[in-house]
Protein backbone atom coordinates (compact mmCIF):
# COMPACT_ATOMS: atom_id res chain seq x y z
CA GLY A 1 90.14 102.66 82.31
CA LEU A 2 87.72 102.12 79.49
CA LEU A 3 87.08 98.70 77.98
CA GLU A 4 85.80 100.07 74.71
CA ARG A 5 87.14 102.88 72.56
CA PRO A 6 85.26 106.02 73.56
CA ALA A 7 83.09 107.64 70.92
CA LEU A 8 84.11 111.24 70.35
CA PRO A 9 82.53 113.91 68.18
CA PRO A 10 84.39 114.59 64.90
CA ALA A 11 85.68 117.91 66.22
CA LEU A 12 87.50 116.07 69.04
CA ALA A 13 88.79 113.14 66.99
CA ALA A 14 91.85 111.81 68.77
CA PRO A 15 94.55 109.51 67.43
CA THR A 16 94.89 106.08 69.03
CA VAL A 17 98.36 105.06 70.18
CA PRO A 18 98.68 101.30 70.78
CA TYR A 19 101.02 99.76 73.37
CA LYS A 20 101.53 96.13 74.33
CA LEU A 21 102.49 95.73 78.00
CA PHE A 22 103.77 92.36 79.20
CA LEU A 23 103.51 91.86 82.98
CA SER A 24 105.95 89.40 84.47
CA GLY A 25 106.95 88.63 88.02
CA LYS A 26 106.63 86.32 90.98
CA SER A 27 103.36 84.58 91.75
CA GLY A 28 100.94 86.37 94.06
CA VAL A 29 102.38 89.89 93.85
CA GLY A 30 99.28 91.51 92.28
CA LYS A 31 99.82 91.59 88.50
CA THR A 32 96.29 90.34 87.73
CA ALA A 33 94.79 92.62 90.40
CA LEU A 34 96.58 95.61 88.85
CA VAL A 35 95.21 94.86 85.38
CA ALA A 36 91.70 94.28 86.79
CA THR A 37 91.83 97.61 88.63
CA LEU A 38 92.97 99.52 85.53
CA ALA A 39 90.29 97.81 83.41
CA GLY A 40 87.56 98.65 85.93
CA THR A 41 86.67 95.01 86.56
CA PRO A 42 86.36 93.36 89.98
CA VAL A 43 89.59 92.21 91.56
CA PRO A 44 89.47 88.47 92.32
CA PRO A 45 89.03 88.10 96.12
CA VAL A 46 91.04 84.86 96.25
CA HIS A 47 94.49 84.33 94.75
CA HIS A 48 94.75 81.81 91.91
CA GLU A 49 97.59 81.45 89.46
CA THR A 50 96.97 82.73 85.96
CA LEU A 51 97.13 79.85 83.50
CA GLY A 52 98.89 80.84 80.30
CA ILE A 53 98.44 84.46 79.29
CA GLU A 54 95.37 86.62 79.87
CA ALA A 55 95.10 89.55 77.48
CA THR A 56 93.12 92.65 78.44
CA THR A 57 92.66 95.79 76.35
CA VAL A 58 92.10 99.13 78.04
CA TYR A 59 91.53 102.47 76.32
CA TRP A 60 92.96 105.35 78.32
CA PRO A 61 92.22 108.92 77.20
CA ALA A 62 94.83 111.56 77.95
CA LYS A 63 95.65 115.15 77.07
CA LEU A 64 99.20 115.96 76.04
CA ARG A 65 100.74 118.76 78.10
CA ALA A 66 102.85 120.18 75.28
CA SER A 67 100.13 120.53 72.65
CA GLY A 68 96.92 120.20 74.67
CA ARG A 69 95.61 117.67 72.14
CA PRO A 70 93.67 114.60 73.26
CA VAL A 71 95.17 111.16 72.64
CA ILE A 72 93.72 107.74 73.32
CA PHE A 73 96.18 105.10 74.50
CA GLN A 74 95.19 101.55 73.58
CA LEU A 75 96.90 99.42 76.21
CA HIS A 76 97.12 95.66 75.56
CA PHE A 77 98.02 94.09 78.89
CA TRP A 78 99.46 90.57 78.69
CA ASP A 79 99.37 89.01 82.14
C-alpha cells in the first residue's frame, strides 16, 4: 500500500475512489497487524489492545479489468 497519493503524469490521471473500512472483532486476532501490513508499516511484535480508534489511510492503485483504466482507491481503515 501507499501512504501518500501517488503522483501521476497528466496523461495517466486517475480518479480517486474513497472507502471507509471499519475493522471490528475479538481482541488479538490481527486487525491492527492487517492494517499495518497493508500500509507498509512494521507490525507490532507484541500484542497490545488498541485504545479507541486508530485511523490509517492507504492509497491503493488498481487497473479495472473491464475498461483497462487506472483507479486509485483511498482506503480509510478504522481499527
